[in-house]
């Protein structure tokens, strides 16, 4: 699923990505100039401690919408906070974020 609409020069996108094993990642993203202005990540994956998801989202704000860059940032975040991510990988998150950030033709 991919939706894009206009809002104050920023692109707003939503995406869902079902990872191998059946877990679902959902992303809402506001994109301006190919950078993440705002991102919300939800789904049936597990990130422990749970409260880190908000901090991860804030960490990604301002990032280039590039799968490799985003995956690297998520890996570094997980390592720094000694977090545990179950049911999805940083690459799965990055793929869904990029999907949400893509512009419609």
N, C-alpha and C. Protein backbone atom coordinates (compact mmCIF):
# COMPACT_ATOMS: atom_id res chain seq x y z
N UNK A 1 0.84 -1.17 0.00
CA UNK A 1 0.00 0.00 0.00
C UNK A 1 0.88 1.23 0.00
N UNK A 2 0.56 2.24 -0.80
CA UNK A 2 1.36 3.44 -0.90
C UNK A 2 0.45 4.60 -1.20
N UNK A 3 0.45 5.60 -0.32
CA UNK A 3 -0.37 6.78 -0.50
C UNK A 3 0.52 8.01 -0.42
N UNK A 4 0.29 8.99 -1.28
CA UNK A 4 1.03 10.23 -1.22
C UNK A 4 0.06 11.39 -1.39
N UNK A 5 0.22 12.42 -0.58
CA UNK A 5 -0.59 13.63 -0.74
C UNK A 5 0.28 14.84 -0.43
N UNK A 6 -0.19 16.03 -0.81
CA UNK A 6 0.56 17.26 -0.59
C UNK A 6 0.14 17.91 0.73
N UNK A 7 1.10 18.50 1.43
CA UNK A 7 0.81 19.26 2.64
C UNK A 7 1.97 20.23 2.86
N UNK A 8 1.74 21.50 2.62
CA UNK A 8 2.74 22.54 2.86
C UNK A 8 4.11 22.19 2.29
N UNK A 9 4.18 21.91 0.99
CA UNK A 9 5.42 21.60 0.28
C UNK A 9 6.02 20.26 0.68
N UNK A 10 5.60 19.66 1.76
CA UNK A 10 6.16 18.39 2.18
C UNK A 10 5.31 17.26 1.60
N UNK A 11 5.96 16.20 1.24
CA UNK A 11 5.27 15.00 0.76
C UNK A 11 4.89 14.16 1.97
N UNK A 12 3.66 13.68 2.00
CA UNK A 12 3.20 12.81 3.07
C UNK A 12 2.98 11.43 2.47
N UNK A 13 3.61 10.44 3.04
CA UNK A 13 3.47 9.09 2.51
C UNK A 13 3.21 8.08 3.61
N UNK A 14 2.57 7.00 3.23
CA UNK A 14 2.32 5.87 4.13
C UNK A 14 2.72 4.61 3.40
N UNK A 15 3.24 3.65 4.14
CA UNK A 15 3.59 2.36 3.54
C UNK A 15 3.43 1.27 4.58
N UNK A 16 3.18 0.07 4.08
CA UNK A 16 3.15 -1.13 4.90
C UNK A 16 4.07 -2.14 4.25
N UNK A 17 4.80 -2.87 5.09
CA UNK A 17 5.73 -3.87 4.57
C UNK A 17 5.64 -5.11 5.46
N UNK A 18 5.33 -6.24 4.86
CA UNK A 18 5.26 -7.50 5.59
C UNK A 18 6.60 -8.20 5.43
N UNK A 19 7.29 -8.40 6.54
CA UNK A 19 8.62 -9.00 6.51
C UNK A 19 8.52 -10.51 6.44
N UNK A 20 9.63 -11.14 6.07
CA UNK A 20 9.68 -12.60 6.05
C UNK A 20 9.36 -13.10 7.46
N UNK A 21 8.46 -14.03 7.57
CA UNK A 21 8.01 -14.49 8.88
C UNK A 21 6.68 -13.91 9.29
N UNK A 22 6.18 -12.93 8.51
CA UNK A 22 4.83 -12.45 8.71
C UNK A 22 4.62 -11.18 9.52
N UNK A 23 5.66 -10.61 10.13
CA UNK A 23 5.48 -9.38 10.90
C UNK A 23 5.22 -8.21 9.95
N UNK A 24 4.42 -7.25 10.42
CA UNK A 24 4.03 -6.11 9.60
C UNK A 24 4.63 -4.83 10.17
N UNK A 25 5.23 -4.01 9.29
CA UNK A 25 5.74 -2.70 9.66
C UNK A 25 4.90 -1.68 8.92
N UNK A 26 4.47 -0.63 9.63
CA UNK A 26 3.72 0.47 9.02
C UNK A 26 4.48 1.76 9.28
N UNK A 27 4.56 2.60 8.25
CA UNK A 27 5.27 3.87 8.37
C UNK A 27 4.42 5.00 7.83
N UNK A 28 4.36 6.08 8.57
CA UNK A 28 3.82 7.36 8.10
C UNK A 28 5.01 8.31 8.10
N UNK A 29 5.16 9.04 7.00
CA UNK A 29 6.35 9.86 6.85
C UNK A 29 6.02 11.17 6.16
N UNK A 30 6.63 12.24 6.64
CA UNK A 30 6.56 13.52 5.96
C UNK A 30 7.96 13.78 5.44
N UNK A 31 8.04 14.03 4.14
CA UNK A 31 9.31 14.14 3.43
C UNK A 31 9.41 15.51 2.79
N UNK A 32 10.49 16.21 3.08
CA UNK A 32 10.73 17.49 2.41
C UNK A 32 12.16 17.49 1.89
N UNK A 33 12.30 17.76 0.59
CA UNK A 33 13.61 17.82 -0.06
C UNK A 33 14.38 16.51 0.13
N UNK A 34 13.67 15.38 0.00
CA UNK A 34 14.27 14.05 0.11
C UNK A 34 14.89 13.77 1.47
N UNK A 35 14.40 14.46 2.49
CA UNK A 35 14.83 14.20 3.86
C UNK A 35 13.59 13.94 4.72
N UNK A 36 13.77 13.15 5.75
CA UNK A 36 12.67 12.82 6.65
C UNK A 36 12.40 14.03 7.55
N UNK A 37 11.20 14.57 7.44
CA UNK A 37 10.79 15.67 8.30
C UNK A 37 10.11 15.12 9.56
N UNK A 38 9.35 14.03 9.38
CA UNK A 38 8.62 13.39 10.48
C UNK A 38 8.42 11.94 10.09
N UNK A 39 8.56 11.02 11.04
CA UNK A 39 8.28 9.61 10.76
C UNK A 39 7.64 8.97 11.98
N UNK A 40 6.65 8.12 11.72
CA UNK A 40 5.97 7.33 12.77
C UNK A 40 6.03 5.88 12.32
N UNK A 41 6.59 5.02 13.17
CA UNK A 41 6.76 3.60 12.86
C UNK A 41 5.90 2.78 13.82
N UNK A 42 5.02 1.96 13.26
CA UNK A 42 4.18 1.08 14.07
C UNK A 42 4.18 -0.31 13.43
N UNK A 43 3.57 -1.27 14.11
CA UNK A 43 3.46 -2.61 13.55
C UNK A 43 3.48 -3.66 14.64
N UNK A 44 3.61 -4.92 14.21
CA UNK A 44 3.59 -6.01 15.19
C UNK A 44 4.97 -6.62 15.42
N UNK A 45 6.01 -5.83 15.25
CA UNK A 45 7.38 -6.18 15.62
C UNK A 45 7.57 -5.82 17.10
N UNK A 46 8.73 -6.17 17.65
CA UNK A 46 9.02 -5.85 19.04
C UNK A 46 10.34 -5.11 19.13
N UNK A 47 10.35 -3.97 19.80
CA UNK A 47 11.56 -3.23 20.12
C UNK A 47 11.56 -3.05 21.63
N UNK A 48 12.62 -3.53 22.26
CA UNK A 48 12.71 -3.43 23.73
C UNK A 48 13.96 -2.68 24.11
N UNK A 49 13.88 -1.74 25.02
CA UNK A 49 12.66 -1.28 25.68
C UNK A 49 11.74 -0.53 24.71
N UNK A 50 10.45 -0.69 24.90
CA UNK A 50 9.42 -0.16 23.99
C UNK A 50 9.47 1.35 23.80
N UNK A 51 9.82 2.07 24.87
CA UNK A 51 9.80 3.53 24.78
C UNK A 51 10.87 4.08 23.83
N UNK A 52 11.78 3.25 23.37
CA UNK A 52 12.82 3.70 22.45
C UNK A 52 12.30 3.99 21.04
N UNK A 53 11.13 3.50 20.69
CA UNK A 53 10.63 3.73 19.32
C UNK A 53 10.46 5.22 19.06
N UNK A 54 9.97 5.97 20.04
CA UNK A 54 9.81 7.43 19.87
C UNK A 54 11.17 8.09 19.66
N UNK A 55 12.15 7.66 20.41
CA UNK A 55 13.50 8.23 20.29
C UNK A 55 14.12 7.86 18.93
N UNK A 56 13.88 6.63 18.48
CA UNK A 56 14.37 6.21 17.16
C UNK A 56 13.77 7.09 16.07
N UNK A 57 12.47 7.32 16.15
CA UNK A 57 11.81 8.16 15.15
C UNK A 57 12.42 9.56 15.12
N UNK A 58 12.68 10.13 16.28
CA UNK A 58 13.29 11.47 16.35
C UNK A 58 14.71 11.45 15.79
N UNK A 59 15.43 10.37 16.04
CA UNK A 59 16.79 10.22 15.52
C UNK A 59 16.80 10.24 14.00
N UNK A 60 15.78 9.68 13.37
CA UNK A 60 15.72 9.58 11.92
C UNK A 60 15.31 10.89 11.24
N UNK A 61 14.73 11.81 11.99
CA UNK A 61 14.30 13.09 11.41
C UNK A 61 15.52 13.84 10.88
N UNK A 62 15.41 14.35 9.66
CA UNK A 62 16.50 15.05 9.00
C UNK A 62 17.38 14.14 8.16
N UNK A 63 17.15 12.84 8.25
CA UNK A 63 17.95 11.88 7.49
C UNK A 63 17.57 11.86 6.02
N UNK A 64 18.55 11.57 5.20
CA UNK A 64 18.33 11.37 3.77
C UNK A 64 17.46 10.12 3.59
N UNK A 65 16.53 10.17 2.66
CA UNK A 65 15.68 9.00 2.41
C UNK A 65 16.44 8.06 1.47
N UNK A 66 17.25 7.23 2.11
CA UNK A 66 18.13 6.28 1.42
C UNK A 66 18.18 5.03 2.29
N UNK A 67 17.87 3.89 1.69
CA UNK A 67 17.75 2.65 2.45
C UNK A 67 19.02 2.30 3.23
N UNK A 68 20.18 2.42 2.61
CA UNK A 68 21.44 2.09 3.28
C UNK A 68 21.74 3.02 4.44
N UNK A 69 21.52 4.31 4.23
CA UNK A 69 21.76 5.31 5.28
C UNK A 69 20.84 5.05 6.47
N UNK A 70 19.56 4.85 6.19
CA UNK A 70 18.58 4.65 7.26
C UNK A 70 18.88 3.36 8.03
N UNK A 71 19.16 2.28 7.31
CA UNK A 71 19.48 1.00 7.98
C UNK A 71 20.69 1.17 8.89
N UNK A 72 21.71 1.88 8.42
CA UNK A 72 22.90 2.12 9.23
C UNK A 72 22.59 2.92 10.49
N UNK A 73 21.74 3.92 10.36
CA UNK A 73 21.35 4.72 11.53
C UNK A 73 20.58 3.88 12.54
N UNK A 74 19.70 3.02 12.04
CA UNK A 74 18.92 2.17 12.95
C UNK A 74 19.83 1.18 13.66
N UNK A 75 20.76 0.58 12.94
CA UNK A 75 21.72 -0.36 13.56
C UNK A 75 22.53 0.34 14.65
N UNK A 76 23.02 1.54 14.34
CA UNK A 76 23.81 2.30 15.33
C UNK A 76 22.97 2.65 16.55
N UNK A 77 21.72 3.03 16.32
CA UNK A 77 20.80 3.36 17.42
C UNK A 77 20.59 2.15 18.33
N UNK A 78 20.32 0.99 17.73
CA UNK A 78 20.08 -0.23 18.49
C UNK A 78 21.32 -0.59 19.32
N UNK A 79 22.49 -0.49 18.70
CA UNK A 79 23.73 -0.81 19.41
C UNK A 79 23.97 0.17 20.55
N UNK A 80 23.81 1.45 20.29
CA UNK A 80 24.05 2.49 21.30
C UNK A 80 23.15 2.30 22.52
N UNK A 81 21.88 1.95 22.28
CA UNK A 81 20.91 1.82 23.37
C UNK A 81 20.77 0.40 23.88
N UNK A 82 21.58 -0.52 23.34
CA UNK A 82 21.52 -1.93 23.74
C UNK A 82 20.08 -2.45 23.67
N UNK A 83 19.40 -2.04 22.60
CA UNK A 83 18.01 -2.43 22.40
C UNK A 83 17.94 -3.79 21.71
N UNK A 84 16.77 -4.40 21.77
CA UNK A 84 16.52 -5.67 21.11
C UNK A 84 15.38 -5.46 20.13
N UNK A 85 15.60 -5.82 18.88
CA UNK A 85 14.59 -5.73 17.84
C UNK A 85 14.25 -7.15 17.40
N UNK A 86 12.98 -7.53 17.56
CA UNK A 86 12.52 -8.88 17.21
C UNK A 86 11.42 -8.81 16.16
N UNK A 87 11.46 -9.72 15.20
CA UNK A 87 10.40 -9.80 14.20
C UNK A 87 10.65 -8.96 12.98
N UNK A 88 11.71 -8.18 12.97
CA UNK A 88 12.07 -7.33 11.83
C UNK A 88 13.54 -6.96 11.97
N UNK A 89 14.14 -6.50 10.89
CA UNK A 89 15.54 -6.08 10.90
C UNK A 89 15.61 -4.58 10.62
N UNK A 90 16.74 -3.96 10.90
CA UNK A 90 16.91 -2.56 10.51
C UNK A 90 16.69 -2.36 9.00
N UNK A 91 17.09 -3.33 8.21
CA UNK A 91 16.88 -3.25 6.76
C UNK A 91 15.40 -3.28 6.40
N UNK A 92 14.60 -4.05 7.15
CA UNK A 92 13.15 -4.08 6.92
C UNK A 92 12.54 -2.71 7.22
N UNK A 93 12.95 -2.11 8.35
CA UNK A 93 12.47 -0.78 8.69
C UNK A 93 12.83 0.21 7.60
N UNK A 94 14.11 0.16 7.17
CA UNK A 94 14.59 1.10 6.16
C UNK A 94 13.82 0.96 4.85
N UNK A 95 13.55 -0.28 4.45
CA UNK A 95 12.80 -0.52 3.22
C UNK A 95 11.41 0.13 3.29
N UNK A 96 10.73 -0.06 4.41
CA UNK A 96 9.38 0.50 4.57
C UNK A 96 9.42 2.02 4.62
N UNK A 97 10.42 2.58 5.28
CA UNK A 97 10.56 4.04 5.34
C UNK A 97 10.78 4.62 3.95
N UNK A 98 11.65 3.99 3.17
CA UNK A 98 11.90 4.45 1.81
C UNK A 98 10.64 4.32 0.95
N UNK A 99 9.90 3.23 1.12
CA UNK A 99 8.64 3.06 0.39
C UNK A 99 7.70 4.22 0.68
N UNK A 100 7.61 4.61 1.95
CA UNK A 100 6.73 5.72 2.33
C UNK A 100 7.24 7.05 1.78
N UNK A 101 8.54 7.15 1.62
CA UNK A 101 9.12 8.39 1.14
C UNK A 101 9.15 8.57 -0.37
N UNK A 102 8.84 7.50 -1.10
CA UNK A 102 8.84 7.60 -2.56
C UNK A 102 7.72 8.52 -3.02
N UNK A 103 7.98 9.24 -4.07
CA UNK A 103 6.97 10.16 -4.64
C UNK A 103 6.19 9.46 -5.74
N UNK A 104 4.93 9.82 -5.84
CA UNK A 104 4.13 9.27 -6.94
C UNK A 104 4.46 10.02 -8.22
N UNK A 105 4.28 9.35 -9.33
CA UNK A 105 4.55 9.97 -10.64
C UNK A 105 3.44 10.91 -11.05
